[in-house]
PDB file of N, CA and C in Angstrom:
ATOM      1  N   MET A   1      16.586 -40.656 -12.792  1.00  0.00           N
ATOM      2  CA  MET A   1      15.200 -40.192 -13.146  1.00  0.00           C
ATOM      3  C   MET A   1      14.344 -41.331 -12.501  1.00  0.00           C
ATOM      4  N   LYS A   2      13.274 -41.044 -12.007  1.00  0.00           N
ATOM      5  CA  LYS A   2      12.384 -41.988 -11.366  1.00  0.00           C
ATOM      6  C   LYS A   2      12.033 -43.018 -12.256  1.00  0.00           C
ATOM      7  N   VAL A   3      11.499 -44.192 -11.830  1.00  0.00           N
ATOM      8  CA  VAL A   3      11.016 -45.308 -12.509  1.00  0.00           C
ATOM      9  C   VAL A   3       9.638 -45.014 -13.097  1.00  0.00           C
ATOM     10  N   SER A   4       8.934 -44.348 -12.405  1.00  0.00           N
ATOM     11  CA  SER A   4       7.518 -43.798 -12.791  1.00  0.00           C
ATOM     12  C   SER A   4       7.714 -42.982 -14.082  1.00  0.00           C
ATOM     13  N   VAL A   5       8.619 -42.134 -14.108  1.00  0.00           N
ATOM     14  CA  VAL A   5       8.780 -41.161 -15.292  1.00  0.00           C
ATOM     15  C   VAL A   5       9.298 -42.026 -16.438  1.00  0.00           C
ATOM     16  N   ARG A   6      10.307 -42.877 -16.277  1.00  0.00           N
ATOM     17  CA  ARG A   6      10.840 -43.701 -17.425  1.00  0.00           C
ATOM     18  C   ARG A   6       9.788 -44.532 -17.930  1.00  0.00           C
ATOM     19  N   THR A   7       8.987 -45.195 -17.124  1.00  0.00           N
ATOM     20  CA  THR A   7       7.838 -46.084 -17.591  1.00  0.00           C
ATOM     21  C   THR A   7       6.777 -45.372 -18.388  1.00  0.00           C
ATOM     22  N   LYS A   8       6.595 -44.177 -17.803  1.00  0.00           N
ATOM     23  CA  LYS A   8       5.633 -43.315 -18.560  1.00  0.00           C
ATOM     24  C   LYS A   8       6.006 -43.101 -20.007  1.00  0.00           C
ATOM     25  N   TRP A   9       7.212 -42.637 -20.215  1.00  0.00           N
ATOM     26  CA  TRP A   9       7.719 -42.252 -21.405  1.00  0.00           C
ATOM     27  C   TRP A   9       7.796 -43.556 -22.375  1.00  0.00           C
ATOM     28  N   PHE A  10       8.256 -44.748 -21.724  1.00  0.00           N
ATOM     29  CA  PHE A  10       8.265 -45.893 -22.488  1.00  0.00           C
ATOM     30  C   PHE A  10       6.940 -46.239 -23.057  1.00  0.00           C
ATOM     31  N   ARG A  11       5.963 -46.192 -22.146  1.00  0.00           N
ATOM     32  CA  ARG A  11       4.546 -46.573 -22.268  1.00  0.00           C
ATOM     33  C   ARG A  11       4.085 -45.608 -23.579  1.00  0.00           C
ATOM     34  N   LEU A  12       4.369 -44.411 -23.626  1.00  0.00           N
ATOM     35  CA  LEU A  12       3.899 -43.247 -24.622  1.00  0.00           C
ATOM     36  C   LEU A  12       4.637 -43.646 -26.026  1.00  0.00           C
ATOM     37  N   MET A  13       5.778 -43.998 -25.906  1.00  0.00           N
ATOM     38  CA  MET A  13       6.462 -44.458 -27.096  1.00  0.00           C
ATOM     39  C   MET A  13       6.094 -45.902 -27.736  1.00  0.00           C
ATOM     40  N   LEU A  14       5.725 -46.745 -26.827  1.00  0.00           N
ATOM     41  CA  LEU A  14       5.070 -48.056 -27.197  1.00  0.00           C
ATOM     42  C   LEU A  14       3.860 -47.899 -27.931  1.00  0.00           C
ATOM     43  N   GLN A  15       2.969 -46.900 -27.205  1.00  0.00           N
ATOM     44  CA  GLN A  15       1.669 -46.815 -27.723  1.00  0.00           C
ATOM     45  C   GLN A  15       1.692 -46.008 -29.085  1.00  0.00           C
ATOM     46  N   GLN A  16       2.614 -45.121 -29.344  1.00  0.00           N
ATOM     47  CA  GLN A  16       2.657 -44.451 -30.642  1.00  0.00           C
ATOM     48  C   GLN A  16       3.286 -45.420 -31.661  1.00  0.00           C
ATOM     49  N   PHE A  17       4.257 -46.139 -31.261  1.00  0.00           N
ATOM     50  CA  PHE A  17       4.614 -47.333 -32.231  1.00  0.00           C
ATOM     51  C   PHE A  17       3.437 -48.200 -32.593  1.00  0.00           C
ATOM     52  N   LEU A  18       2.771 -48.707 -31.729  1.00  0.00           N
ATOM     53  CA  LEU A  18       1.515 -49.535 -31.934  1.00  0.00           C
ATOM     54  C   LEU A  18       0.560 -48.907 -32.893  1.00  0.00           C
ATOM     55  N   ARG A  19       0.286 -47.519 -32.638  1.00  0.00           N
ATOM     56  CA  ARG A  19      -0.626 -46.772 -33.550  1.00  0.00           C
ATOM     57  C   ARG A  19      -0.001 -46.595 -34.949  1.00  0.00           C
ATOM     58  N   ASP A  20       1.100 -46.323 -34.988  1.00  0.00           N
ATOM     59  CA  ASP A  20       1.837 -46.171 -36.378  1.00  0.00           C
ATOM     60  C   ASP A  20       1.866 -47.536 -37.216  1.00  0.00           C
ATOM     61  N   ALA A  21       2.019 -48.652 -36.421  1.00  0.00           N
ATOM     62  CA  ALA A  21       2.057 -49.987 -37.120  1.00  0.00           C
ATOM     63  C   ALA A  21       0.498 -50.589 -37.180  1.00  0.00           C
ATOM     64  N   ARG A  22      -0.354 -49.672 -36.812  1.00  0.00           N
ATOM     65  CA  ARG A  22      -1.751 -50.098 -36.811  1.00  0.00           C
ATOM     66  C   ARG A  22      -2.116 -51.380 -36.175  1.00  0.00           C
ATOM     67  N   VAL A  23      -1.611 -51.511 -35.039  1.00  0.00           N
ATOM     68  CA  VAL A  23      -1.755 -52.667 -34.190  1.00  0.00           C
ATOM     69  C   VAL A  23      -2.975 -52.357 -33.181  1.00  0.00           C
ATOM     70  N   CYS A  24      -3.920 -53.166 -33.083  1.00  0.00           N
ATOM     71  CA  CYS A  24      -4.968 -53.062 -32.048  1.00  0.00           C
ATOM     72  C   CYS A  24      -4.491 -53.435 -30.753  1.00  0.00           C
ATOM     73  N   TYR A  25      -4.618 -52.696 -29.792  1.00  0.00           N
ATOM     74  CA  TYR A  25      -4.343 -53.048 -28.406  1.00  0.00           C
ATOM     75  C   TYR A  25      -5.267 -52.257 -27.504  1.00  0.00           C
ATOM     76  N   VAL A  26      -5.213 -52.915 -26.315  1.00  0.00           N
ATOM     77  CA  VAL A  26      -6.067 -52.212 -25.241  1.00  0.00           C
ATOM     78  C   VAL A  26      -5.211 -51.873 -24.103  1.00  0.00           C
ATOM     79  N   THR A  27      -5.467 -50.747 -23.339  1.00  0.00           N
ATOM     80  CA  THR A  27      -4.738 -50.350 -22.083  1.00  0.00           C
ATOM     81  C   THR A  27      -5.791 -50.144 -21.122  1.00  0.00           C
ATOM     82  N   CYS A  28      -5.495 -50.205 -19.803  1.00  0.00           N
ATOM     83  CA  CYS A  28      -6.392 -50.064 -18.819  1.00  0.00           C
ATOM     84  C   CYS A  28      -5.520 -50.057 -17.489  1.00  0.00           C
ATOM     85  N   THR A  29      -6.150 -49.528 -16.330  1.00  0.00           N
ATOM     86  CA  THR A  29      -5.605 -49.447 -15.145  1.00  0.00           C
ATOM     87  C   THR A  29      -6.018 -50.785 -14.428  1.00  0.00           C
ATOM     88  N   THR A  30      -5.217 -51.634 -14.088  1.00  0.00           N
ATOM     89  CA  THR A  30      -5.459 -52.923 -13.551  1.00  0.00           C
ATOM     90  C   THR A  30      -4.430 -53.252 -12.397  1.00  0.00           C
ATOM     91  N   ARG A  31      -4.562 -54.289 -11.773  1.00  0.00           N
ATOM     92  CA  ARG A  31      -3.704 -54.990 -11.002  1.00  0.00           C
ATOM     93  C   ARG A  31      -3.008 -56.012 -11.854  1.00  0.00           C
ATOM     94  N   PRO A  32      -1.840 -55.847 -12.072  1.00  0.00           N
ATOM     95  CA  PRO A  32      -1.078 -56.803 -13.045  1.00  0.00           C
ATOM     96  C   PRO A  32      -1.020 -58.234 -12.502  1.00  0.00           C
ATOM     97  N   PHE A  33      -0.834 -59.209 -13.208  1.00  0.00           N
ATOM     98  CA  PHE A  33      -0.769 -60.633 -12.834  1.00  0.00           C
ATOM     99  C   PHE A  33       0.647 -60.959 -12.290  1.00  0.00           C
ATOM    100  N   SER A  34       0.907 -60.413 -11.118  1.00  0.00           N
ATOM    101  CA  SER A  34       2.296 -60.498 -10.535  1.00  0.00           C
ATOM    102  C   SER A  34       2.290 -60.706  -8.893  1.00  0.00           C
ATOM    103  N   ASN A  35       3.115 -61.299  -8.425  1.00  0.00           N
ATOM    104  CA  ASN A  35       3.207 -61.371  -7.036  1.00  0.00           C
ATOM    105  C   ASN A  35       3.888 -60.424  -6.325  1.00  0.00           C
ATOM    106  N   TRP A  36       4.595 -59.417  -7.227  1.00  0.00           N
ATOM    107  CA  TRP A  36       5.388 -58.426  -6.655  1.00  0.00           C
ATOM    108  C   TRP A  36       4.775 -56.937  -7.006  1.00  0.00           C
ATOM    109  N   VAL A  37       4.051 -56.970  -8.008  1.00  0.00           N
ATOM    110  CA  VAL A  37       3.270 -55.587  -8.292  1.00  0.00           C
ATOM    111  C   VAL A  37       1.828 -55.989  -7.962  1.00  0.00           C
ATOM    112  N   CYS A  38       1.593 -55.577  -6.619  1.00  0.00           N
ATOM    113  CA  CYS A  38       0.259 -55.839  -6.148  1.00  0.00           C
ATOM    114  C   CYS A  38      -0.476 -54.449  -5.940  1.00  0.00           C
ATOM    115  N   CYS A  39      -0.389 -53.638  -7.007  1.00  0.00           N
ATOM    116  CA  CYS A  39      -1.222 -52.441  -6.931  1.00  0.00           C
ATOM    117  C   CYS A  39      -1.734 -52.091  -8.283  1.00  0.00           C
ATOM    118  N   HIS A  40      -2.728 -51.322  -8.492  1.00  0.00           N
ATOM    119  CA  HIS A  40      -3.276 -50.895  -9.837  1.00  0.00           C
ATOM    120  C   HIS A  40      -2.251 -50.066 -10.472  1.00  0.00           C
ATOM    121  N   ARG A  41      -1.973 -50.437 -11.728  1.00  0.00           N
ATOM    122  CA  ARG A  41      -1.027 -49.633 -12.473  1.00  0.00           C
ATOM    123  C   ARG A  41      -1.760 -49.564 -13.998  1.00  0.00           C
ATOM    124  N   GLY A  42      -1.240 -48.521 -14.787  1.00  0.00           N
ATOM    125  CA  GLY A  42      -1.766 -48.476 -16.209  1.00  0.00           C
ATOM    126  C   GLY A  42      -0.957 -49.629 -16.785  1.00  0.00           C
ATOM    127  N   SER A  43      -1.794 -50.270 -17.708  1.00  0.00           N
ATOM    128  CA  SER A  43      -1.086 -51.620 -18.190  1.00  0.00           C
ATOM    129  C   SER A  43      -1.548 -51.827 -19.739  1.00  0.00           C
ATOM    130  N   ILE A  44      -0.759 -52.480 -20.325  1.00  0.00           N
ATOM    131  CA  ILE A  44      -1.040 -53.031 -21.709  1.00  0.00           C
ATOM    132  C   ILE A  44      -0.768 -54.601 -21.809  1.00  0.00           C
ATOM    133  N   GLY A  45      -1.691 -55.377 -22.192  1.00  0.00           N
ATOM    134  CA  GLY A  45      -1.668 -56.733 -21.794  1.00  0.00           C
ATOM    135  C   GLY A  45      -0.850 -57.547 -23.073  1.00  0.00           C
ATOM    136  N   PHE A  46       0.069 -58.411 -22.652  1.00  0.00           N
ATOM    137  CA  PHE A  46       0.652 -59.213 -23.722  1.00  0.00           C
ATOM    138  C   PHE A  46       1.092 -60.462 -22.977  1.00  0.00           C
ATOM    139  N   GLN A  47       1.353 -61.369 -23.838  1.00  0.00           N
ATOM    140  CA  GLN A  47       1.684 -62.731 -23.272  1.00  0.00           C
ATOM    141  C   GLN A  47       3.219 -62.962 -23.196  1.00  0.00           C
ATOM    142  N   LEU A  48       3.671 -63.471 -22.067  1.00  0.00           N
ATOM    143  CA  LEU A  48       5.183 -63.868 -21.831  1.00  0.00           C
ATOM    144  C   LEU A  48       5.129 -65.375 -21.744  1.00  0.00           C
ATOM    145  N   LYS A  49       6.272 -65.961 -22.191  1.00  0.00           N
ATOM    146  CA  LYS A  49       6.485 -67.433 -21.852  1.00  0.00           C
ATOM    147  C   LYS A  49       6.571 -67.559 -20.313  1.00  0.00           C
ATOM    148  N   GLU A  50       6.351 -68.572 -19.667  1.00  0.00           N
ATOM    149  CA  GLU A  50       6.461 -68.763 -18.319  1.00  0.00           C
ATOM    150  C   GLU A  50       7.748 -68.473 -17.680  1.00  0.00           C
ATOM    151  N   ASP A  51       8.885 -68.977 -18.251  1.00  0.00           N
ATOM    152  CA  ASP A  51      10.275 -68.834 -17.870  1.00  0.00           C
ATOM    153  C   ASP A  51      10.553 -67.376 -17.830  1.00  0.00           C
ATOM    154  N   VAL A  52      10.140 -66.569 -18.880  1.00  0.00           N
ATOM    155  CA  VAL A  52      10.498 -65.154 -18.923  1.00  0.00           C
ATOM    156  C   VAL A  52       9.691 -64.414 -17.765  1.00  0.00           C
ATOM    157  N   PHE A  53       8.381 -64.810 -17.457  1.00  0.00           N
ATOM    158  CA  PHE A  53       7.641 -64.251 -16.551  1.00  0.00           C
ATOM    159  C   PHE A  53       8.328 -64.492 -15.170  1.00  0.00           C
ATOM    160  N   GLN A  54       8.700 -65.762 -14.881  1.00  0.00           N
ATOM    161  CA  GLN A  54       9.374 -66.112 -13.639  1.00  0.00           C
ATOM    162  C   GLN A  54      10.780 -65.327 -13.461  1.00  0.00           C
ATOM    163  N   SER A  55      11.392 -65.036 -14.550  1.00  0.00           N
ATOM    164  CA  SER A  55      12.634 -64.302 -14.584  1.00  0.00           C
ATOM    165  C   SER A  55      12.397 -62.864 -14.193  1.00  0.00           C
ATOM    166  N   VAL A  56      11.216 -62.245 -14.693  1.00  0.00           N
ATOM    167  CA  VAL A  56      10.874 -60.879 -14.273  1.00  0.00           C
ATOM    168  C   VAL A  56      10.415 -60.851 -12.860  1.00  0.00           C
ATOM    169  N   GLU A  57       9.569 -61.798 -12.442  1.00  0.00           N
ATOM    170  CA  GLU A  57       9.315 -61.926 -10.951  1.00  0.00           C
ATOM    171  C   GLU A  57      10.351 -62.136 -10.032  1.00  0.00           C
ATOM    172  N   GLY A  58      11.443 -62.913 -10.497  1.00  0.00           N
ATOM    173  CA  GLY A  58      12.737 -62.972  -9.602  1.00  0.00           C
ATOM    174  C   GLY A  58      13.536 -61.638  -9.529  1.00  0.00           C
ATOM    175  N   PHE A  59      13.568 -60.966 -10.697  1.00  0.00           N
ATOM    176  CA  PHE A  59      14.276 -59.687 -10.750  1.00  0.00           C
ATOM    177  C   PHE A  59      13.574 -58.637  -9.646  1.00  0.00           C
ATOM    178  N   LEU A  60      12.087 -58.637  -9.759  1.00  0.00           N
ATOM    179  CA  LEU A  60      11.521 -57.623  -8.802  1.00  0.00           C
ATOM    180  C   LEU A  60      11.499 -58.125  -7.494  1.00  0.00           C
ATOM    181  N   GLN A  61      11.691 -59.324  -7.089  1.00  0.00           N
ATOM    182  CA  GLN A  61      11.802 -59.930  -5.925  1.00  0.00           C
ATOM    183  C   GLN A  61      13.123 -59.427  -5.336  1.00  0.00           C
ATOM    184  N   GLY A  62      14.222 -59.645  -6.095  1.00  0.00           N
ATOM    185  CA  GLY A  62      15.541 -59.135  -5.648  1.00  0.00           C
ATOM    186  C   GLY A  62      15.582 -57.534  -5.510  1.00  0.00           C
ATOM    187  N   GLN A  63      14.788 -56.768  -6.144  1.00  0.00           N
ATOM    188  CA  GLN A  63      14.917 -55.488  -6.233  1.00  0.00           C
ATOM    189  C   GLN A  63      14.079 -54.946  -5.081  1.00  0.00           C
ATOM    190  N   LEU A  64      12.892 -55.521  -4.778  1.00  0.00           N
ATOM    191  CA  LEU A  64      11.941 -54.942  -3.955  1.00  0.00           C
ATOM    192  C   LEU A  64      11.891 -55.397  -2.478  1.00  0.00           C
ATOM    193  N   GLY A  65      12.175 -56.728  -2.337  1.00  0.00           N
ATOM    194  CA  GLY A  65      12.235 -57.301  -1.028  1.00  0.00           C
ATOM    195  C   GLY A  65      10.902 -57.498  -0.453  1.00  0.00           C
ATOM    196  N   SER A  66       9.916 -56.803  -0.765  1.00  0.00           N
ATOM    197  CA  SER A  66       8.474 -56.934  -0.428  1.00  0.00           C
ATOM    198  C   SER A  66       7.603 -56.496  -1.543  1.00  0.00           C
ATOM    199  N   PRO A  67       6.370 -57.138  -1.584  1.00  0.00           N
ATOM    200  CA  PRO A  67       5.402 -56.717  -2.691  1.00  0.00           C
ATOM    201  C   PRO A  67       5.064 -55.046  -2.715  1.00  0.00           C
ATOM    202  N   ALA A  68       5.017 -54.562  -3.922  1.00  0.00           N
ATOM    203  CA  ALA A  68       4.564 -53.203  -3.929  1.00  0.00           C
ATOM    204  C   ALA A  68       3.073 -53.143  -3.968  1.00  0.00           C
ATOM    205  N   THR A  69       2.410 -52.390  -2.763  1.00  0.00           N
ATOM    206  CA  THR A  69       1.102 -52.419  -2.625  1.00  0.00           C
ATOM    207  C   THR A  69       0.796 -50.789  -2.641  1.00  0.00           C
ATOM    208  N   GLY A  70      -0.465 -50.582  -2.445  1.00  0.00           N
ATOM    209  CA  GLY A  70      -1.010 -49.214  -2.377  1.00  0.00           C
ATOM    210  C   GLY A  70      -0.891 -48.409  -3.582  1.00  0.00           C
ATOM    211  N   SER A  71      -0.029 -47.328  -3.517  1.00  0.00           N
ATOM    212  CA  SER A  71       0.195 -46.350  -4.475  1.00  0.00           C
ATOM    213  C   SER A  71       1.432 -46.916  -5.286  1.00  0.00           C
ATOM    214  N   GLY A  72       2.078 -48.014  -4.868  1.00  0.00           N
ATOM    215  CA  GLY A  72       3.187 -48.537  -5.599  1.00  0.00           C
ATOM    216  C   GLY A  72       4.433 -47.790  -5.478  1.00  0.00           C
ATOM    217  N   LYS A  73       4.692 -46.943  -4.459  1.00  0.00           N
ATOM    218  CA  LYS A  73       5.720 -46.095  -4.338  1.00  0.00           C
ATOM    219  C   LYS A  73       6.979 -47.048  -4.115  1.00  0.00           C
ATOM    220  N   LEU A  74       6.879 -48.221  -3.687  1.00  0.00           N
ATOM    221  CA  LEU A  74       8.127 -49.266  -3.506  1.00  0.00           C
ATOM    222  C   LEU A  74       8.611 -49.449  -4.864  1.00  0.00           C
ATOM    223  N   LEU A  75       7.945 -49.221  -5.861  1.00  0.00           N
ATOM    224  CA  LEU A  75       8.498 -49.543  -7.326  1.00  0.00           C
ATOM    225  C   LEU A  75       9.627 -48.583  -7.659  1.00  0.00           C
ATOM    226  N   GLU A  76       9.660 -47.490  -6.964  1.00  0.00           N
ATOM    227  CA  GLU A  76      10.760 -46.488  -7.233  1.00  0.00           C
ATOM    228  C   GLU A  76      12.040 -46.910  -6.889  1.00  0.00           C
ATOM    229  N   ARG A  77      12.097 -48.077  -6.132  1.00  0.00           N
ATOM    230  CA  ARG A  77      13.380 -48.736  -5.784  1.00  0.00           C
ATOM    231  C   ARG A  77      13.985 -49.572  -6.847  1.00  0.00           C
ATOM    232  N   VAL A  78      13.150 -49.925  -7.892  1.00  0.00           N
ATOM    233  CA  VAL A  78      13.764 -50.658  -8.914  1.00  0.00           C
ATOM    234  C   VAL A  78      14.809 -49.990  -9.800  1.00  0.00           C
ATOM    235  N   ARG A  79      15.972 -50.737  -9.908  1.00  0.00           N
ATOM    236  CA  ARG A  79      17.110 -50.118 -10.749  1.00  0.00           C
ATOM    237  C   ARG A  79      17.457 -51.050 -11.792  1.00  0.00           C
ATOM    238  N   GLY A  80      17.993 -50.574 -12.782  1.00  0.00           N
ATOM    239  CA  GLY A  80      18.415 -51.313 -13.948  1.00  0.00           C
ATOM    240  C   GLY A  80      17.473 -51.533 -15.020  1.00  0.00           C
ATOM    241  N   ILE A  81      16.586 -50.812 -15.078  1.00  0.00           N
ATOM    242  CA  ILE A  81      15.563 -50.971 -16.187  1.00  0.00           C
ATOM    243  C   ILE A  81      15.445 -49.655 -16.957  1.00  0.00           C
TER     244      ILE A  81
END
């Protein structure tokens, strides 16, 4: 299954969980704070520790080879999530 489909269903489940838990949150379409996802994506903001963020960036670097730009089609190469 495509990454875009998996992430869509994850996002919908997460949003439903947050609604059920009565957690206030904001979503928007934005360019994430990432060196590897350089395209506008639907996002929900949350904080990560710097080492966790760097780990995710390293994972994306290993999977992508070059930053995902434009429509983000390159993100379909990501495996293991």
